[in-house]
């Protein structure tokens, strides 16, 4: 068996990676995907000891996103893992409620004003999406724009929830 050098997924050939000063498009690259993913890392500002599970899941989601360069479907998996990070952060906020479903955790966060109603509604939609990705009839694919939106939003949500959890832990 010979080992072949990894090749980009051919679907990236039709994806624009940006435009130059003259407005001309240039192709997407592995490096551009890495740059996009690294921008999300700075959105989560919480002490690592408090948030190890969710932040590790987000790190995995970023890696899957970047490696979608080689297998485009990794973007769907990256979204699933990022949504799992949101659920994991809510479980840190509400310890002792291990059996509560994701939606019930979101509802509680909304009742306590941790999540504003518009953000809670988006998070409930994320919970539905997570369920669809967790129990698929077939492999789903998402667009770069969809993945970017989900991953950026989940990083922001995890940061918000873990900041509240950290604050509560310090007050206790």
N, C-alpha and C. Protein backbone atom coordinates (compact mmCIF):
# COMPACT_ATOMS: atom_id res chain seq x y z
N UNK A 1 0.84 -1.18 0.00
CA UNK A 1 0.00 0.00 0.00
C UNK A 1 0.89 1.25 0.00
N UNK A 2 0.63 2.15 -0.90
CA UNK A 2 1.40 3.38 -0.96
C UNK A 2 0.60 4.51 -0.33
N UNK A 3 1.31 5.44 0.25
CA UNK A 3 0.60 6.58 0.85
C UNK A 3 0.64 7.75 -0.12
N UNK A 4 -0.52 8.28 -0.36
CA UNK A 4 -0.64 9.43 -1.26
C UNK A 4 -0.68 10.70 -0.41
N UNK A 5 -0.16 11.76 -0.96
CA UNK A 5 -0.22 13.04 -0.27
C UNK A 5 -1.67 13.51 -0.25
N UNK A 6 -2.13 14.01 0.89
CA UNK A 6 -3.53 14.46 0.97
C UNK A 6 -3.81 15.55 -0.07
N UNK A 7 -4.98 15.46 -0.65
CA UNK A 7 -5.40 16.42 -1.67
C UNK A 7 -6.61 17.20 -1.17
N UNK A 8 -6.74 18.44 -1.58
CA UNK A 8 -7.93 19.20 -1.20
C UNK A 8 -9.19 18.57 -1.78
N UNK A 9 -10.27 18.68 -1.04
CA UNK A 9 -11.57 18.24 -1.55
C UNK A 9 -11.86 19.08 -2.79
N UNK A 10 -12.26 18.48 -3.88
CA UNK A 10 -12.46 19.24 -5.12
C UNK A 10 -13.55 20.32 -5.02
N UNK A 11 -14.45 20.22 -4.05
CA UNK A 11 -15.50 21.23 -3.92
C UNK A 11 -14.94 22.60 -3.55
N UNK A 12 -13.73 22.65 -2.99
CA UNK A 12 -13.14 23.95 -2.63
C UNK A 12 -12.73 24.74 -3.88
N UNK A 13 -12.61 24.07 -5.02
CA UNK A 13 -12.22 24.76 -6.25
C UNK A 13 -13.21 25.84 -6.66
N UNK A 14 -14.46 25.71 -6.25
CA UNK A 14 -15.48 26.70 -6.63
C UNK A 14 -15.76 27.71 -5.52
N UNK A 15 -14.96 27.69 -4.45
CA UNK A 15 -15.17 28.58 -3.32
C UNK A 15 -14.18 29.73 -3.37
N UNK A 16 -14.70 30.93 -3.24
CA UNK A 16 -13.86 32.12 -3.23
C UNK A 16 -13.29 32.31 -1.82
N UNK A 17 -12.00 32.55 -1.76
CA UNK A 17 -11.32 32.74 -0.48
C UNK A 17 -11.13 34.21 -0.12
N UNK A 18 -11.62 35.10 -0.92
CA UNK A 18 -11.49 36.53 -0.69
C UNK A 18 -11.29 37.25 -2.01
N UNK A 19 -11.13 38.54 -1.92
CA UNK A 19 -10.87 39.34 -3.11
C UNK A 19 -9.65 40.21 -2.88
N UNK A 20 -8.94 40.53 -3.96
CA UNK A 20 -7.76 41.37 -3.84
C UNK A 20 -8.16 42.85 -3.93
N UNK A 21 -7.19 43.74 -3.92
CA UNK A 21 -7.43 45.19 -3.93
C UNK A 21 -8.20 45.64 -5.17
N UNK A 22 -8.07 44.90 -6.27
CA UNK A 22 -8.78 45.25 -7.50
C UNK A 22 -10.15 44.59 -7.58
N UNK A 23 -10.53 43.88 -6.53
CA UNK A 23 -11.83 43.22 -6.52
C UNK A 23 -11.86 41.87 -7.21
N UNK A 24 -10.69 41.34 -7.53
CA UNK A 24 -10.60 40.05 -8.19
C UNK A 24 -10.62 38.92 -7.15
N UNK A 25 -11.44 37.91 -7.38
CA UNK A 25 -11.50 36.81 -6.42
C UNK A 25 -10.22 35.97 -6.43
N UNK A 26 -9.87 35.44 -5.28
CA UNK A 26 -8.78 34.47 -5.23
C UNK A 26 -9.30 33.21 -4.55
N UNK A 27 -8.69 32.07 -4.83
CA UNK A 27 -9.23 30.79 -4.36
C UNK A 27 -9.11 30.61 -2.84
N UNK A 28 -9.98 29.75 -2.35
CA UNK A 28 -9.90 29.36 -0.94
C UNK A 28 -8.65 28.51 -0.77
N UNK A 29 -8.05 28.59 0.43
CA UNK A 29 -6.87 27.79 0.75
C UNK A 29 -7.02 27.21 2.15
N UNK A 30 -6.20 26.22 2.43
CA UNK A 30 -6.14 25.64 3.77
C UNK A 30 -5.78 26.73 4.76
N UNK A 31 -4.84 27.59 4.39
CA UNK A 31 -4.39 28.67 5.27
C UNK A 31 -5.51 29.65 5.57
N UNK A 32 -6.35 29.94 4.60
CA UNK A 32 -7.48 30.85 4.81
C UNK A 32 -8.48 30.22 5.78
N UNK A 33 -8.75 28.93 5.63
CA UNK A 33 -9.63 28.24 6.58
C UNK A 33 -9.06 28.30 7.99
N UNK A 34 -7.75 28.09 8.11
CA UNK A 34 -7.09 28.16 9.42
C UNK A 34 -7.20 29.57 10.01
N UNK A 35 -7.08 30.58 9.17
CA UNK A 35 -7.20 31.97 9.62
C UNK A 35 -8.62 32.25 10.12
N UNK A 36 -9.62 31.77 9.40
CA UNK A 36 -11.01 31.96 9.83
C UNK A 36 -11.21 31.29 11.19
N UNK A 37 -10.77 30.04 11.32
CA UNK A 37 -10.96 29.30 12.56
C UNK A 37 -10.22 29.94 13.73
N UNK A 38 -9.03 30.46 13.48
CA UNK A 38 -8.28 31.07 14.59
C UNK A 38 -8.97 32.34 15.10
N UNK A 39 -9.76 32.99 14.25
CA UNK A 39 -10.48 34.19 14.71
C UNK A 39 -11.53 33.84 15.76
N UNK A 40 -12.05 32.61 15.74
CA UNK A 40 -13.06 32.21 16.73
C UNK A 40 -12.45 31.92 18.08
N UNK A 41 -11.21 31.46 18.10
CA UNK A 41 -10.55 31.11 19.35
C UNK A 41 -10.55 32.28 20.34
N UNK A 42 -10.35 33.48 19.84
CA UNK A 42 -10.27 34.65 20.72
C UNK A 42 -11.64 35.07 21.26
N UNK A 43 -12.72 34.47 20.79
CA UNK A 43 -14.06 34.82 21.26
C UNK A 43 -14.38 34.22 22.61
N UNK A 44 -13.63 33.20 23.02
CA UNK A 44 -13.90 32.51 24.28
C UNK A 44 -12.87 32.95 25.31
N UNK A 45 -13.34 33.74 26.28
CA UNK A 45 -12.44 34.25 27.31
C UNK A 45 -12.92 33.80 28.68
N UNK A 46 -12.54 32.59 29.06
CA UNK A 46 -12.88 32.05 30.37
C UNK A 46 -11.70 31.28 30.91
N UNK A 47 -11.63 31.12 32.23
CA UNK A 47 -10.53 30.33 32.79
C UNK A 47 -10.58 28.88 32.30
N UNK A 48 -9.49 28.36 31.74
CA UNK A 48 -9.49 27.00 31.18
C UNK A 48 -9.91 25.92 32.17
N UNK A 49 -9.54 26.04 33.45
CA UNK A 49 -9.88 24.99 34.41
C UNK A 49 -11.39 24.84 34.56
N UNK A 50 -12.11 25.92 34.42
CA UNK A 50 -13.55 25.91 34.58
C UNK A 50 -14.27 25.39 33.34
N UNK A 51 -13.62 25.50 32.21
CA UNK A 51 -14.33 25.26 30.95
C UNK A 51 -13.64 24.24 30.06
N UNK A 52 -12.91 23.34 30.65
CA UNK A 52 -12.11 22.41 29.86
C UNK A 52 -12.92 21.65 28.82
N UNK A 53 -14.07 21.10 29.20
CA UNK A 53 -14.87 20.32 28.26
C UNK A 53 -15.34 21.13 27.07
N UNK A 54 -16.08 22.22 27.31
CA UNK A 54 -16.55 23.01 26.17
C UNK A 54 -15.42 23.60 25.32
N UNK A 55 -14.36 24.06 25.95
CA UNK A 55 -13.28 24.66 25.15
C UNK A 55 -12.53 23.61 24.34
N UNK A 56 -12.42 22.39 24.86
CA UNK A 56 -11.80 21.31 24.08
C UNK A 56 -12.69 20.93 22.90
N UNK A 57 -14.00 20.92 23.13
CA UNK A 57 -14.91 20.64 22.02
C UNK A 57 -14.81 21.73 20.95
N UNK A 58 -14.72 22.98 21.36
CA UNK A 58 -14.58 24.07 20.39
C UNK A 58 -13.27 23.96 19.62
N UNK A 59 -12.21 23.57 20.32
CA UNK A 59 -10.92 23.38 19.64
C UNK A 59 -11.04 22.28 18.58
N UNK A 60 -11.74 21.20 18.93
CA UNK A 60 -11.94 20.12 17.97
C UNK A 60 -12.78 20.61 16.79
N UNK A 61 -13.79 21.41 17.05
CA UNK A 61 -14.64 21.95 15.98
C UNK A 61 -13.82 22.81 15.02
N UNK A 62 -12.93 23.64 15.59
CA UNK A 62 -12.07 24.46 14.73
C UNK A 62 -11.16 23.59 13.86
N UNK A 63 -10.60 22.55 14.45
CA UNK A 63 -9.72 21.65 13.71
C UNK A 63 -10.49 20.95 12.59
N UNK A 64 -11.68 20.47 12.90
CA UNK A 64 -12.50 19.82 11.87
C UNK A 64 -12.84 20.79 10.74
N UNK A 65 -13.15 22.02 11.11
CA UNK A 65 -13.45 23.04 10.10
C UNK A 65 -12.26 23.23 9.16
N UNK A 66 -11.08 23.41 9.72
CA UNK A 66 -9.89 23.61 8.90
C UNK A 66 -9.62 22.38 8.03
N UNK A 67 -9.77 21.20 8.62
CA UNK A 67 -9.49 19.98 7.87
C UNK A 67 -10.59 19.60 6.89
N UNK A 68 -11.66 20.39 6.85
CA UNK A 68 -12.65 20.19 5.79
C UNK A 68 -12.02 20.50 4.43
N UNK A 69 -10.86 21.12 4.45
CA UNK A 69 -10.09 21.34 3.22
C UNK A 69 -9.86 20.00 2.51
N UNK A 70 -9.70 18.95 3.30
CA UNK A 70 -9.43 17.62 2.75
C UNK A 70 -10.70 16.77 2.61
N UNK A 71 -11.69 17.04 3.45
CA UNK A 71 -12.96 16.31 3.41
C UNK A 71 -14.07 17.30 3.76
N UNK A 72 -14.74 17.79 2.74
CA UNK A 72 -15.71 18.88 2.89
C UNK A 72 -16.76 18.60 3.97
N UNK A 73 -17.15 17.34 4.13
CA UNK A 73 -18.18 17.00 5.12
C UNK A 73 -17.72 17.24 6.56
N UNK A 74 -16.43 17.42 6.78
CA UNK A 74 -15.96 17.74 8.14
C UNK A 74 -16.60 19.02 8.66
N UNK A 75 -17.05 19.91 7.74
CA UNK A 75 -17.70 21.14 8.21
C UNK A 75 -18.98 20.83 8.96
N UNK A 76 -19.76 19.86 8.49
CA UNK A 76 -20.98 19.47 9.20
C UNK A 76 -20.64 18.89 10.57
N UNK A 77 -19.60 18.08 10.62
CA UNK A 77 -19.18 17.50 11.90
C UNK A 77 -18.67 18.60 12.84
N UNK A 78 -17.97 19.58 12.29
CA UNK A 78 -17.50 20.72 13.09
C UNK A 78 -18.68 21.44 13.72
N UNK A 79 -19.75 21.63 12.97
CA UNK A 79 -20.94 22.29 13.51
C UNK A 79 -21.56 21.45 14.63
N UNK A 80 -21.64 20.14 14.43
CA UNK A 80 -22.17 19.25 15.47
C UNK A 80 -21.36 19.38 16.75
N UNK A 81 -20.05 19.31 16.64
CA UNK A 81 -19.18 19.37 17.83
C UNK A 81 -19.29 20.73 18.51
N UNK A 82 -19.39 21.79 17.72
CA UNK A 82 -19.54 23.13 18.31
C UNK A 82 -20.86 23.26 19.06
N UNK A 83 -21.92 22.68 18.52
CA UNK A 83 -23.21 22.70 19.22
C UNK A 83 -23.14 21.86 20.49
N UNK A 84 -22.39 20.78 20.47
CA UNK A 84 -22.18 19.99 21.69
C UNK A 84 -21.45 20.82 22.75
N UNK A 85 -20.56 21.70 22.31
CA UNK A 85 -19.85 22.57 23.26
C UNK A 85 -20.81 23.53 23.95
N UNK A 86 -21.81 24.01 23.21
CA UNK A 86 -22.81 24.89 23.84
C UNK A 86 -23.56 24.11 24.91
N UNK A 87 -23.99 22.90 24.58
CA UNK A 87 -24.69 22.09 25.57
C UNK A 87 -23.79 21.81 26.78
N UNK A 88 -22.54 21.49 26.53
CA UNK A 88 -21.60 21.22 27.63
C UNK A 88 -21.43 22.44 28.52
N UNK A 89 -21.41 23.63 27.95
CA UNK A 89 -21.27 24.85 28.76
C UNK A 89 -22.52 25.06 29.61
N UNK A 90 -23.69 24.76 29.05
CA UNK A 90 -24.93 24.88 29.84
C UNK A 90 -24.95 23.87 30.98
N UNK A 91 -24.35 22.71 30.77
CA UNK A 91 -24.28 21.70 31.85
C UNK A 91 -23.33 22.16 32.97
N UNK A 92 -22.33 22.96 32.62
CA UNK A 92 -21.47 23.55 33.67
C UNK A 92 -22.26 24.60 34.43
N UNK A 93 -23.07 25.39 33.72
CA UNK A 93 -23.89 26.41 34.37
C UNK A 93 -24.94 25.79 35.28
N UNK A 94 -25.47 24.64 34.89
CA UNK A 94 -26.53 23.97 35.65
C UNK A 94 -26.09 22.57 36.08
N UNK A 95 -25.13 22.50 37.00
CA UNK A 95 -24.71 21.18 37.48
C UNK A 95 -25.87 20.51 38.22
N UNK A 96 -25.91 19.22 38.18
CA UNK A 96 -26.99 18.52 38.85
C UNK A 96 -28.20 18.29 37.96
N UNK A 97 -28.15 18.80 36.74
CA UNK A 97 -29.26 18.61 35.80
C UNK A 97 -28.79 17.80 34.59
N UNK A 98 -28.04 16.73 34.87
CA UNK A 98 -27.46 15.92 33.81
C UNK A 98 -28.51 15.32 32.90
N UNK A 99 -29.69 15.07 33.42
CA UNK A 99 -30.72 14.40 32.64
C UNK A 99 -31.60 15.37 31.86
N UNK A 100 -31.42 16.65 32.08
CA UNK A 100 -32.20 17.63 31.32
C UNK A 100 -31.75 17.63 29.87
N UNK A 101 -32.70 17.68 28.94
CA UNK A 101 -32.30 17.81 27.54
C UNK A 101 -31.77 19.21 27.24
N UNK A 102 -31.05 19.33 26.17
CA UNK A 102 -30.44 20.58 25.74
C UNK A 102 -31.47 21.71 25.75
N UNK A 103 -32.66 21.49 25.17
CA UNK A 103 -33.68 22.53 25.08
C UNK A 103 -34.10 23.03 26.46
N UNK A 104 -34.22 22.13 27.41
CA UNK A 104 -34.63 22.53 28.77
C UNK A 104 -33.55 23.39 29.43
N UNK A 105 -32.29 23.07 29.16
CA UNK A 105 -31.19 23.89 29.67
C UNK A 105 -31.26 25.31 29.08
N UNK A 106 -31.56 25.39 27.79
CA UNK A 106 -31.69 26.70 27.13
C UNK A 106 -32.87 27.46 27.73
N UNK A 107 -33.99 26.78 27.93
CA UNK A 107 -35.17 27.42 28.52
C UNK A 107 -34.84 27.99 29.90
N UNK A 108 -34.09 27.23 30.70
CA UNK A 108 -33.71 27.70 32.04
C UNK A 108 -32.80 28.93 31.94
N UNK A 109 -31.86 28.89 31.02
CA UNK A 109 -30.95 30.04 30.83
C UNK A 109 -31.74 31.28 30.39
N UNK A 110 -32.77 31.08 29.60
CA UNK A 110 -33.61 32.22 29.20
C UNK A 110 -34.41 32.74 30.40
N UNK A 111 -35.01 31.84 31.18
CA UNK A 111 -35.77 32.26 32.37
C UNK A 111 -34.91 33.07 33.34
N UNK A 112 -33.64 32.69 33.46
CA UNK A 112 -32.74 33.38 34.39
C UNK A 112 -32.04 34.58 33.75
N UNK A 113 -32.44 34.91 32.53
CA UNK A 113 -31.86 36.04 31.79
C UNK A 113 -30.37 35.88 31.50
N UNK A 114 -29.90 34.64 31.49
CA UNK A 114 -28.53 34.37 31.04
C UNK A 114 -28.47 34.58 29.53
N UNK A 115 -29.53 34.11 28.86
CA UNK A 115 -29.65 34.28 27.41
C UNK A 115 -30.85 35.17 27.12
N UNK A 116 -30.65 36.27 26.40
CA UNK A 116 -31.80 37.07 25.95
C UNK A 116 -32.71 36.20 25.07
N UNK A 117 -33.98 36.54 24.98
CA UNK A 117 -34.95 35.69 24.27
C UNK A 117 -34.55 35.41 22.82
N UNK A 118 -34.02 36.40 22.12
CA UNK A 118 -33.64 36.17 20.72
C UNK A 118 -32.48 35.18 20.63
N UNK A 119 -31.54 35.30 21.55
CA UNK A 119 -30.39 34.37 21.56
C UNK A 119 -30.85 32.99 22.01
N UNK A 120 -31.76 32.93 22.97
CA UNK A 120 -32.29 31.64 23.42
C UNK A 120 -33.01 30.93 22.27
N UNK A 121 -33.76 31.68 21.48
CA UNK A 121 -34.47 31.07 20.35
C UNK A 121 -33.47 30.52 19.32
N UNK A 122 -32.42 31.26 19.05
CA UNK A 122 -31.38 30.76 18.14
C UNK A 122 -30.70 29.52 18.72
N UNK A 123 -30.52 29.51 20.03
CA UNK A 123 -29.88 28.37 20.68
C UNK A 123 -30.79 27.15 20.64
N UNK A 124 -32.10 27.35 20.78
CA UNK A 124 -33.04 26.22 20.64
C UNK A 124 -32.98 25.68 19.20
N UNK A 125 -32.86 26.56 18.23
CA UNK A 125 -32.69 26.12 16.85
C UNK A 125 -31.40 25.32 16.71
N UNK A 126 -30.35 25.77 17.40
CA UNK A 126 -29.09 25.03 17.42
C UNK A 126 -29.25 23.65 18.02
N UNK A 127 -30.08 23.54 19.06
CA UNK A 127 -30.34 22.24 19.68
C UNK A 127 -31.04 21.31 18.70
N UNK A 128 -31.99 21.84 17.93
CA UNK A 128 -32.66 21.03 16.90
C UNK A 128 -31.67 20.59 15.84
N UNK A 129 -30.81 21.51 15.43
CA UNK A 129 -29.79 21.19 14.43
C UNK A 129 -28.84 20.12 14.96
N UNK A 130 -28.43 20.27 16.22
CA UNK A 130 -27.56 19.26 16.84
C UNK A 130 -28.24 17.89 16.81
N UNK A 131 -29.54 17.86 17.11
CA UNK A 131 -30.26 16.58 17.08
C UNK A 131 -30.31 16.00 15.67
N UNK A 132 -30.52 16.85 14.68
CA UNK A 132 -30.53 16.37 13.30
C UNK A 132 -29.17 15.81 12.90
N UNK A 133 -28.09 16.50 13.30
CA UNK A 133 -26.75 16.02 12.98
C UNK A 133 -26.39 14.75 13.76
N UNK A 134 -26.96 14.62 14.97
CA UNK A 134 -26.64 13.45 15.80
C UNK A 134 -27.36 12.19 15.34
N UNK A 135 -28.50 12.36 14.69
CA UNK A 135 -29.31 11.22 14.27
C UNK A 135 -29.65 11.34 12.79
N UNK A 136 -28.62 11.33 11.94
CA UNK A 136 -28.86 11.59 10.51
C UNK A 136 -29.41 10.38 9.76
N UNK A 137 -30.18 10.68 8.73
CA UNK A 137 -30.59 9.63 7.79
C UNK A 137 -29.50 9.42 6.75
N UNK A 138 -28.70 10.46 6.53
CA UNK A 138 -27.55 10.38 5.63
C UNK A 138 -26.56 11.47 6.04
N UNK A 139 -25.43 11.52 5.36
CA UNK A 139 -24.41 12.52 5.67
C UNK A 139 -24.86 13.89 5.18
N UNK A 140 -24.89 14.86 6.05
CA UNK A 140 -25.24 16.22 5.67
C UNK A 140 -23.98 16.99 5.29
N UNK A 141 -24.17 17.96 4.44
CA UNK A 141 -23.10 18.89 4.12
C UNK A 141 -23.63 20.29 4.37
N UNK A 142 -22.77 21.19 4.77
CA UNK A 142 -23.15 22.58 4.97
C UNK A 142 -22.25 23.45 4.11
N UNK A 143 -22.69 24.66 3.87
CA UNK A 143 -21.86 25.59 3.11
C UNK A 143 -20.86 26.25 4.04
N UNK A 144 -19.88 26.88 3.46
CA UNK A 144 -18.90 27.63 4.24
C UNK A 144 -19.59 28.71 5.06
N UNK A 145 -20.53 29.41 4.45
CA UNK A 145 -21.25 30.47 5.17
C UNK A 145 -22.04 29.94 6.35
N UNK A 146 -22.71 28.81 6.16
CA UNK A 146 -23.47 28.20 7.26
C UNK A 146 -22.53 27.79 8.39
N UNK A 147 -21.45 27.12 8.04
CA UNK A 147 -20.50 26.67 9.07
C UNK A 147 -19.89 27.86 9.80
N UNK A 148 -19.53 28.88 9.07
CA UNK A 148 -18.94 30.07 9.68
C UNK A 148 -19.91 30.67 10.69
N UNK A 149 -21.18 30.79 10.32
CA UNK A 149 -22.18 31.36 11.20
C UNK A 149 -22.38 30.50 12.45
N UNK A 150 -22.51 29.19 12.28
CA UNK A 150 -22.70 28.30 13.42
C UNK A 150 -21.49 28.33 14.34
N UNK A 151 -20.31 28.24 13.77
CA UNK A 151 -19.10 28.16 14.60
C UNK A 151 -18.83 29.47 15.33
N UNK A 152 -18.99 30.59 14.67
CA UNK A 152 -18.79 31.86 15.37
C UNK A 152 -19.82 32.03 16.48
N UNK A 153 -21.08 31.73 16.18
CA UNK A 153 -22.15 31.89 17.18
C UNK A 153 -21.94 30.97 18.37
N UNK A 154 -21.53 29.73 18.12
CA UNK A 154 -21.34 28.81 19.24
C UNK A 154 -20.17 29.24 20.11
N UNK A 155 -19.13 29.77 19.52
CA UNK A 155 -18.01 30.27 20.32
C UNK A 155 -18.48 31.42 21.22
N UNK A 156 -19.29 32.31 20.67
CA UNK A 156 -19.81 33.43 21.46
C UNK A 156 -20.74 32.94 22.58
N UNK A 157 -21.59 31.96 22.26
CA UNK A 157 -22.50 31.41 23.27
C UNK A 157 -21.75 30.73 24.40
N UNK A 158 -20.79 29.91 24.05
CA UNK A 158 -20.00 29.22 25.08
C UNK A 158 -19.32 30.25 25.97
N UNK A 159 -18.76 31.28 25.39
CA UNK A 159 -18.10 32.32 26.19
C UNK A 159 -19.08 32.98 27.15
N UNK A 160 -20.25 33.32 26.64
CA UNK A 160 -21.27 33.96 27.48
C UNK A 160 -21.68 33.06 28.64
N UNK A 161 -22.00 31.81 28.33
CA UNK A 161 -22.48 30.89 29.36
C UNK A 161 -21.39 30.58 30.38
N UNK A 162 -20.17 30.35 29.92
CA UNK A 162 -19.09 30.03 30.86
C UNK A 162 -18.70 31.24 31.70
N UNK A 163 -18.84 32.44 31.17
CA UNK A 163 -18.57 33.64 31.97
C UNK A 163 -19.57 33.74 33.11
N UNK A 164 -20.85 33.46 32.82
CA UNK A 164 -21.87 33.48 33.88
C UNK A 164 -21.61 32.36 34.88
N UNK A 165 -21.27 31.17 34.40
CA UNK A 165 -20.98 30.05 35.29
C UNK A 165 -19.79 30.36 36.19
N UNK A 166 -18.77 30.96 35.63
CA UNK A 166 -17.58 31.34 36.41
C UNK A 166 -17.93 32.38 37.46
N UNK A 167 -18.72 33.34 37.08
CA UNK A 167 -19.16 34.39 38.01
C UNK A 167 -19.96 33.79 39.16
N UNK A 168 -20.84 32.87 38.85
CA UNK A 168 -21.66 32.21 39.90
C UNK A 168 -20.78 31.39 40.83
N UNK A 169 -19.80 30.70 40.26
CA UNK A 169 -18.91 29.88 41.09
C UNK A 169 -18.10 30.75 42.03
N UNK A 170 -17.68 31.92 41.58
CA UNK A 170 -16.89 32.83 42.43
C UNK A 170 -17.74 33.43 43.53
N UNK A 171 -19.05 33.63 43.28
CA UNK A 171 -19.92 34.20 44.29
C UNK A 171 -20.38 33.19 45.33
N UNK A 172 -20.29 31.92 44.99
CA UNK A 172 -20.79 30.88 45.90
C UNK A 172 -19.88 30.64 47.07
